[in-house]
Amino acid sequence: MTCWEVLHCGKENECPAYPKSGACCWSVTGTLCCGNKRGTYDDKVRYCRAACKFYKGVMVGSISVVS
């Protein structure tokens, strides 16, 4: 599963995580999280830990990703 499949952002074609890094999008610089461009890893992971249901789902194992 990928972030765009879970979050239905509609921006996957514009996102640097597309098409190969949607299962670990928090590790890609400049992704479009909820329509907002996220810069550095530190900025992104802080946001993801606090607010991203995809990140939280992957980390607790409720969302299964296949690379």
Protein backbone atom coordinates (compact mmCIF):
# COMPACT_ATOMS: atom_id res chain seq x y z
CA MET A 1 0.00 0.00 0.00
CA THR A 2 1.16 3.54 -0.68
CA CYS A 3 0.46 6.91 0.91
CA TRP A 4 -1.67 8.08 -2.05
CA GLU A 5 -3.81 4.93 -1.85
CA VAL A 6 -4.54 5.61 1.82
CA LEU A 7 -4.73 9.40 1.84
CA HIS A 8 -6.40 9.89 -1.58
CA CYS A 9 -4.50 13.15 -2.10
CA GLY A 10 -4.86 13.24 -5.88
CA LYS A 11 -1.37 14.76 -6.14
CA GLU A 12 0.66 11.58 -6.63
CA ASN A 13 1.76 12.48 -10.16
CA GLU A 14 3.24 15.73 -8.80
CA CYS A 15 4.89 14.17 -5.75
CA PRO A 16 8.57 13.17 -5.61
CA ALA A 17 7.58 9.96 -3.79
CA TYR A 18 5.62 8.77 -6.83
CA PRO A 19 5.81 6.07 -8.17
CA LYS A 20 8.44 4.15 -6.19
CA SER A 21 8.52 5.59 -2.65
CA GLY A 22 4.89 5.80 -1.59
CA ALA A 23 5.38 3.13 1.05
CA CYS A 24 8.00 5.24 2.86
CA CYS A 25 7.15 8.76 1.68
CA TRP A 26 8.40 10.35 4.91
CA SER A 27 11.95 9.57 3.78
CA VAL A 28 11.63 11.53 0.50
CA THR A 29 12.47 15.24 0.43
CA GLY A 30 9.81 17.61 -0.87
CA THR A 31 6.75 15.37 -0.79
CA LEU A 32 3.29 16.88 -0.96
CA CYS A 33 1.80 15.95 2.39
CA CYS A 34 -1.88 16.85 2.46
CA GLY A 35 -1.24 19.21 -0.43
CA ASN A 36 1.59 21.03 1.35
CA LYS A 37 5.19 20.67 0.26
CA ARG A 38 7.35 19.30 3.09
CA GLY A 39 11.05 20.02 3.01
CA THR A 40 13.67 18.42 5.20
CA TYR A 41 13.44 14.98 6.75
CA ASP A 42 13.28 16.54 10.23
CA ASP A 43 10.35 18.77 9.25
CA LYS A 44 8.54 15.89 7.58
CA VAL A 45 8.98 13.23 10.22
CA ARG A 46 7.88 15.65 12.95
CA TYR A 47 4.69 16.32 10.96
CA CYS A 48 4.19 12.63 10.16
CA ARG A 49 4.54 11.53 13.77
CA ALA A 50 2.03 14.14 14.89
CA ALA A 51 -0.58 14.13 12.15
CA CYS A 52 -0.22 11.57 9.36
CA LYS A 53 -2.58 8.60 9.49
CA PHE A 54 -0.54 6.74 6.87
CA TYR A 55 2.73 7.07 8.81
CA LYS A 56 1.04 6.13 12.08
CA GLY A 57 -0.65 3.14 10.43
CA VAL A 58 2.61 1.85 8.99
CA MET A 59 4.44 2.30 12.29
CA VAL A 60 1.86 0.42 14.36
CA GLY A 61 1.34 -2.22 11.69
CA SER A 62 -2.30 -1.50 10.84
CA ILE A 63 -1.26 -0.59 7.27
CA SER A 64 0.76 -3.16 5.36
CA VAL A 65 3.16 -1.92 2.73
CA VAL A 66 4.71 -3.90 -0.09
CA SER A 67 7.86 -2.59 -1.71
